[in-house]
Amino acid sequence: EMPPADGVSIIRELVDLFLESAPERIGQIGEAINDPGRLAFHAHALKSMGLNLGAKRVVEISQQLEGLGRSGELNGAPGLLRELEDAFSQTKVHLLPFRDR
């Protein structure tokens, strides 16, 4: 229930930023799926973005991917990437109504 600033609420701005940036970051995670350092970096960035909106499932999976990247053990990364893509799709459906307030 934050009042709009210049006709646009802060929540809407955060939702817009997440919906615009997350797909690109998920793509970067996919490109880095075999590069532990890059995987950890991009997963950490997505985790941070998700924390801003309370996107719990996106945050959980990003954290798992970040951990795999940091450990160098990437065997489970492709499956987690698919889960992340699904979680983002579900999160997007829940965020769109906040955008239109």
N, C-alpha and C. Protein backbone atom coordinates (compact mmCIF):
# COMPACT_ATOMS: atom_id res chain seq x y z
N GLU A 1 0.82 -1.20 0.00
CA GLU A 1 0.00 0.00 0.00
C GLU A 1 0.86 1.26 0.00
N MET A 2 1.90 1.26 -0.81
CA MET A 2 2.76 2.44 -0.89
C MET A 2 2.18 3.41 -1.91
N PRO A 3 2.14 4.70 -1.58
CA PRO A 3 1.58 5.67 -2.51
C PRO A 3 2.45 5.81 -3.76
N PRO A 4 1.82 6.05 -4.90
CA PRO A 4 2.58 6.20 -6.14
C PRO A 4 3.46 7.45 -6.10
N ALA A 5 4.61 7.34 -6.71
CA ALA A 5 5.49 8.49 -6.92
C ALA A 5 5.51 8.75 -8.41
N ASP A 6 5.09 9.91 -8.82
CA ASP A 6 4.99 10.24 -10.24
C ASP A 6 4.09 9.26 -10.98
N GLY A 7 3.07 8.77 -10.31
CA GLY A 7 2.09 7.89 -10.96
C GLY A 7 2.50 6.43 -11.04
N VAL A 8 3.69 6.09 -10.56
CA VAL A 8 4.15 4.71 -10.62
C VAL A 8 4.58 4.28 -9.22
N SER A 9 4.02 3.19 -8.73
CA SER A 9 4.36 2.74 -7.39
C SER A 9 5.73 2.06 -7.39
N ILE A 10 6.35 2.05 -6.24
CA ILE A 10 7.64 1.39 -6.09
C ILE A 10 7.49 -0.11 -6.36
N ILE A 11 6.39 -0.68 -5.90
CA ILE A 11 6.14 -2.11 -6.14
C ILE A 11 6.10 -2.39 -7.63
N ARG A 12 5.40 -1.55 -8.36
CA ARG A 12 5.31 -1.76 -9.81
C ARG A 12 6.69 -1.67 -10.45
N GLU A 13 7.49 -0.71 -10.01
CA GLU A 13 8.84 -0.58 -10.55
C GLU A 13 9.67 -1.82 -10.26
N LEU A 14 9.58 -2.34 -9.03
CA LEU A 14 10.32 -3.54 -8.67
C LEU A 14 9.86 -4.75 -9.48
N VAL A 15 8.55 -4.88 -9.63
CA VAL A 15 8.01 -5.99 -10.42
C VAL A 15 8.46 -5.88 -11.87
N ASP A 16 8.35 -4.68 -12.44
CA ASP A 16 8.79 -4.48 -13.82
C ASP A 16 10.26 -4.84 -14.00
N LEU A 17 11.08 -4.37 -13.09
CA LEU A 17 12.51 -4.64 -13.18
C LEU A 17 12.79 -6.14 -13.10
N PHE A 18 12.11 -6.82 -12.18
CA PHE A 18 12.30 -8.26 -12.04
C PHE A 18 11.84 -9.00 -13.30
N LEU A 19 10.65 -8.64 -13.81
CA LEU A 19 10.12 -9.34 -14.98
C LEU A 19 10.94 -9.08 -16.23
N GLU A 20 11.60 -7.93 -16.29
CA GLU A 20 12.45 -7.63 -17.44
C GLU A 20 13.83 -8.26 -17.31
N SER A 21 14.37 -8.28 -16.10
CA SER A 21 15.76 -8.70 -15.89
C SER A 21 15.93 -10.19 -15.64
N ALA A 22 14.98 -10.81 -14.97
CA ALA A 22 15.12 -12.21 -14.59
C ALA A 22 15.29 -13.15 -15.79
N PRO A 23 14.51 -13.00 -16.87
CA PRO A 23 14.71 -13.92 -18.00
C PRO A 23 16.12 -13.85 -18.58
N GLU A 24 16.66 -12.64 -18.65
CA GLU A 24 18.04 -12.50 -19.15
C GLU A 24 19.01 -13.19 -18.21
N ARG A 25 18.82 -13.01 -16.91
CA ARG A 25 19.71 -13.62 -15.92
C ARG A 25 19.58 -15.14 -15.97
N ILE A 26 18.36 -15.65 -16.14
CA ILE A 26 18.17 -17.10 -16.26
C ILE A 26 18.89 -17.63 -17.50
N GLY A 27 18.84 -16.86 -18.58
CA GLY A 27 19.58 -17.23 -19.79
C GLY A 27 21.08 -17.27 -19.54
N GLN A 28 21.58 -16.32 -18.77
CA GLN A 28 23.01 -16.29 -18.44
C GLN A 28 23.38 -17.49 -17.57
N ILE A 29 22.47 -17.87 -16.68
CA ILE A 29 22.71 -19.07 -15.86
C ILE A 29 22.81 -20.29 -16.78
N GLY A 30 21.90 -20.37 -17.75
CA GLY A 30 21.94 -21.49 -18.70
C GLY A 30 23.23 -21.53 -19.50
N GLU A 31 23.71 -20.36 -19.91
CA GLU A 31 24.97 -20.29 -20.67
C GLU A 31 26.16 -20.67 -19.79
N ALA A 32 26.05 -20.46 -18.49
CA ALA A 32 27.15 -20.71 -17.56
C ALA A 32 27.03 -22.06 -16.85
N ILE A 33 26.16 -22.91 -17.33
CA ILE A 33 25.83 -24.15 -16.63
C ILE A 33 27.06 -25.05 -16.41
N ASN A 34 28.09 -24.89 -17.24
CA ASN A 34 29.31 -25.68 -17.11
C ASN A 34 30.50 -24.85 -16.64
N ASP A 35 30.24 -23.64 -16.19
CA ASP A 35 31.30 -22.73 -15.73
C ASP A 35 30.99 -22.34 -14.28
N PRO A 36 31.61 -23.02 -13.32
CA PRO A 36 31.24 -22.83 -11.91
C PRO A 36 31.26 -21.37 -11.44
N GLY A 37 32.28 -20.62 -11.79
CA GLY A 37 32.38 -19.24 -11.33
C GLY A 37 31.28 -18.36 -11.88
N ARG A 38 31.02 -18.47 -13.16
CA ARG A 38 29.96 -17.68 -13.79
C ARG A 38 28.59 -18.12 -13.30
N LEU A 39 28.42 -19.43 -13.11
CA LEU A 39 27.15 -19.94 -12.60
C LEU A 39 26.86 -19.35 -11.22
N ALA A 40 27.84 -19.38 -10.35
CA ALA A 40 27.65 -18.83 -9.00
C ALA A 40 27.34 -17.34 -9.06
N PHE A 41 28.03 -16.62 -9.93
CA PHE A 41 27.83 -15.17 -10.04
C PHE A 41 26.40 -14.84 -10.49
N HIS A 42 25.95 -15.46 -11.56
CA HIS A 42 24.62 -15.16 -12.10
C HIS A 42 23.51 -15.67 -11.18
N ALA A 43 23.71 -16.82 -10.57
CA ALA A 43 22.71 -17.34 -9.64
C ALA A 43 22.60 -16.42 -8.42
N HIS A 44 23.72 -15.92 -7.95
CA HIS A 44 23.70 -14.99 -6.81
C HIS A 44 22.94 -13.72 -7.17
N ALA A 45 23.17 -13.20 -8.37
CA ALA A 45 22.48 -11.98 -8.80
C ALA A 45 20.98 -12.21 -8.88
N LEU A 46 20.55 -13.34 -9.43
CA LEU A 46 19.12 -13.64 -9.51
C LEU A 46 18.52 -13.83 -8.12
N LYS A 47 19.26 -14.48 -7.25
CA LYS A 47 18.80 -14.66 -5.88
C LYS A 47 18.53 -13.31 -5.23
N SER A 48 19.43 -12.39 -5.40
CA SER A 48 19.26 -11.05 -4.83
C SER A 48 18.03 -10.35 -5.39
N MET A 49 17.82 -10.47 -6.69
CA MET A 49 16.64 -9.86 -7.31
C MET A 49 15.37 -10.48 -6.73
N GLY A 50 15.36 -11.79 -6.58
CA GLY A 50 14.19 -12.48 -6.05
C GLY A 50 13.89 -12.11 -4.61
N LEU A 51 14.94 -11.88 -3.83
CA LEU A 51 14.75 -11.49 -2.43
C LEU A 51 14.00 -10.17 -2.31
N ASN A 52 14.23 -9.27 -3.24
CA ASN A 52 13.55 -7.97 -3.21
C ASN A 52 12.03 -8.10 -3.30
N LEU A 53 11.56 -9.18 -3.93
CA LEU A 53 10.13 -9.35 -4.13
C LEU A 53 9.54 -10.51 -3.34
N GLY A 54 10.35 -11.21 -2.61
CA GLY A 54 9.84 -12.36 -1.88
C GLY A 54 9.52 -13.54 -2.76
N ALA A 55 10.23 -13.66 -3.87
CA ALA A 55 10.03 -14.78 -4.80
C ALA A 55 10.77 -15.99 -4.24
N LYS A 56 10.17 -16.63 -3.26
CA LYS A 56 10.84 -17.65 -2.46
C LYS A 56 11.40 -18.81 -3.27
N ARG A 57 10.61 -19.35 -4.17
CA ARG A 57 11.08 -20.53 -4.93
C ARG A 57 12.24 -20.16 -5.85
N VAL A 58 12.15 -19.00 -6.50
CA VAL A 58 13.25 -18.53 -7.35
C VAL A 58 14.51 -18.35 -6.50
N VAL A 59 14.34 -17.79 -5.31
CA VAL A 59 15.47 -17.57 -4.41
C VAL A 59 16.08 -18.91 -4.00
N GLU A 60 15.24 -19.87 -3.61
CA GLU A 60 15.73 -21.18 -3.16
C GLU A 60 16.54 -21.87 -4.24
N ILE A 61 16.01 -21.90 -5.45
CA ILE A 61 16.70 -22.60 -6.54
C ILE A 61 17.97 -21.85 -6.93
N SER A 62 17.90 -20.53 -6.96
CA SER A 62 19.09 -19.74 -7.27
C SER A 62 20.19 -20.00 -6.25
N GLN A 63 19.79 -20.09 -4.99
CA GLN A 63 20.76 -20.36 -3.93
C GLN A 63 21.39 -21.74 -4.11
N GLN A 64 20.60 -22.72 -4.51
CA GLN A 64 21.14 -24.06 -4.76
C GLN A 64 22.13 -24.02 -5.93
N LEU A 65 21.76 -23.30 -7.00
CA LEU A 65 22.66 -23.19 -8.15
C LEU A 65 23.94 -22.45 -7.77
N GLU A 66 23.80 -21.42 -6.97
CA GLU A 66 24.98 -20.69 -6.51
C GLU A 66 25.90 -21.63 -5.72
N GLY A 67 25.32 -22.43 -4.86
CA GLY A 67 26.10 -23.38 -4.07
C GLY A 67 26.83 -24.39 -4.95
N LEU A 68 26.14 -24.88 -5.99
CA LEU A 68 26.80 -25.81 -6.91
C LEU A 68 27.98 -25.13 -7.60
N GLY A 69 27.76 -23.89 -8.04
CA GLY A 69 28.84 -23.16 -8.69
C GLY A 69 30.02 -22.97 -7.76
N ARG A 70 29.75 -22.61 -6.52
CA ARG A 70 30.84 -22.37 -5.56
C ARG A 70 31.59 -23.67 -5.23
N SER A 71 30.87 -24.79 -5.23
CA SER A 71 31.52 -26.07 -4.91
C SER A 71 32.21 -26.68 -6.12
N GLY A 72 31.81 -26.24 -7.32
CA GLY A 72 32.38 -26.82 -8.53
C GLY A 72 31.71 -28.12 -8.93
N GLU A 73 30.73 -28.56 -8.17
CA GLU A 73 30.00 -29.80 -8.45
C GLU A 73 28.73 -29.44 -9.22
N LEU A 74 28.75 -29.61 -10.53
CA LEU A 74 27.67 -29.10 -11.38
C LEU A 74 26.71 -30.17 -11.87
N ASN A 75 26.79 -31.39 -11.36
CA ASN A 75 25.95 -32.48 -11.86
C ASN A 75 24.46 -32.17 -11.81
N GLY A 76 23.98 -31.55 -10.76
CA GLY A 76 22.55 -31.28 -10.64
C GLY A 76 22.10 -29.98 -11.26
N ALA A 77 23.02 -29.22 -11.83
CA ALA A 77 22.69 -27.89 -12.32
C ALA A 77 21.65 -27.88 -13.45
N PRO A 78 21.73 -28.74 -14.45
CA PRO A 78 20.72 -28.69 -15.51
C PRO A 78 19.29 -28.91 -15.01
N GLY A 79 19.11 -29.84 -14.09
CA GLY A 79 17.78 -30.08 -13.53
C GLY A 79 17.29 -28.88 -12.74
N LEU A 80 18.19 -28.26 -11.97
CA LEU A 80 17.81 -27.07 -11.22
C LEU A 80 17.47 -25.91 -12.15
N LEU A 81 18.17 -25.82 -13.27
CA LEU A 81 17.86 -24.77 -14.24
C LEU A 81 16.43 -24.93 -14.76
N ARG A 82 16.03 -26.15 -15.05
CA ARG A 82 14.65 -26.39 -15.51
C ARG A 82 13.65 -26.01 -14.42
N GLU A 83 13.96 -26.37 -13.17
CA GLU A 83 13.10 -25.98 -12.05
C GLU A 83 13.03 -24.47 -11.91
N LEU A 84 14.15 -23.80 -12.12
CA LEU A 84 14.20 -22.35 -12.03
C LEU A 84 13.33 -21.71 -13.10
N GLU A 85 13.40 -22.22 -14.30
CA GLU A 85 12.56 -21.69 -15.39
C GLU A 85 11.09 -21.85 -15.05
N ASP A 86 10.70 -23.01 -14.52
CA ASP A 86 9.31 -23.24 -14.12
C ASP A 86 8.91 -22.32 -12.97
N ALA A 87 9.79 -22.17 -12.00
CA ALA A 87 9.50 -21.31 -10.84
C ALA A 87 9.33 -19.87 -11.28
N PHE A 88 10.15 -19.41 -12.22
CA PHE A 88 10.00 -18.05 -12.71
C PHE A 88 8.66 -17.87 -13.41
N SER A 89 8.27 -18.84 -14.23
CA SER A 89 6.97 -18.76 -14.92
C SER A 89 5.82 -18.65 -13.93
N GLN A 90 5.87 -19.45 -12.88
CA GLN A 90 4.82 -19.41 -11.86
C GLN A 90 4.86 -18.09 -11.09
N THR A 91 6.05 -17.62 -10.78
CA THR A 91 6.20 -16.36 -10.05
C THR A 91 5.68 -15.20 -10.88
N LYS A 92 5.96 -15.23 -12.16
CA LYS A 92 5.50 -14.16 -13.06
C LYS A 92 3.99 -14.03 -13.01
N VAL A 93 3.29 -15.15 -13.03
CA VAL A 93 1.82 -15.15 -12.98
C VAL A 93 1.33 -14.46 -11.70
N HIS A 94 2.04 -14.70 -10.60
CA HIS A 94 1.64 -14.10 -9.32
C HIS A 94 2.03 -12.63 -9.20
N LEU A 95 3.06 -12.22 -9.93
CA LEU A 95 3.52 -10.83 -9.84
C LEU A 95 2.75 -9.89 -10.74
N LEU A 96 2.23 -10.36 -11.84
CA LEU A 96 1.56 -9.48 -12.79
C LEU A 96 0.41 -8.67 -12.17
N PRO A 97 -0.40 -9.25 -11.29
CA PRO A 97 -1.46 -8.44 -10.67
C PRO A 97 -0.91 -7.26 -9.84
N PHE A 98 0.25 -7.42 -9.22
CA PHE A 98 0.86 -6.33 -8.46
C PHE A 98 1.32 -5.21 -9.38
N ARG A 99 1.70 -5.57 -10.58
CA ARG A 99 2.17 -4.60 -11.55
C ARG A 99 1.05 -3.67 -11.99
N ASP A 100 -0.15 -4.19 -12.04
CA ASP A 100 -1.28 -3.44 -12.58
C ASP A 100 -2.03 -2.64 -11.53
N ARG A 101 -1.53 -2.58 -10.32
CA ARG A 101 -2.23 -1.84 -9.26
C ARG A 101 -2.06 -0.35 -9.43
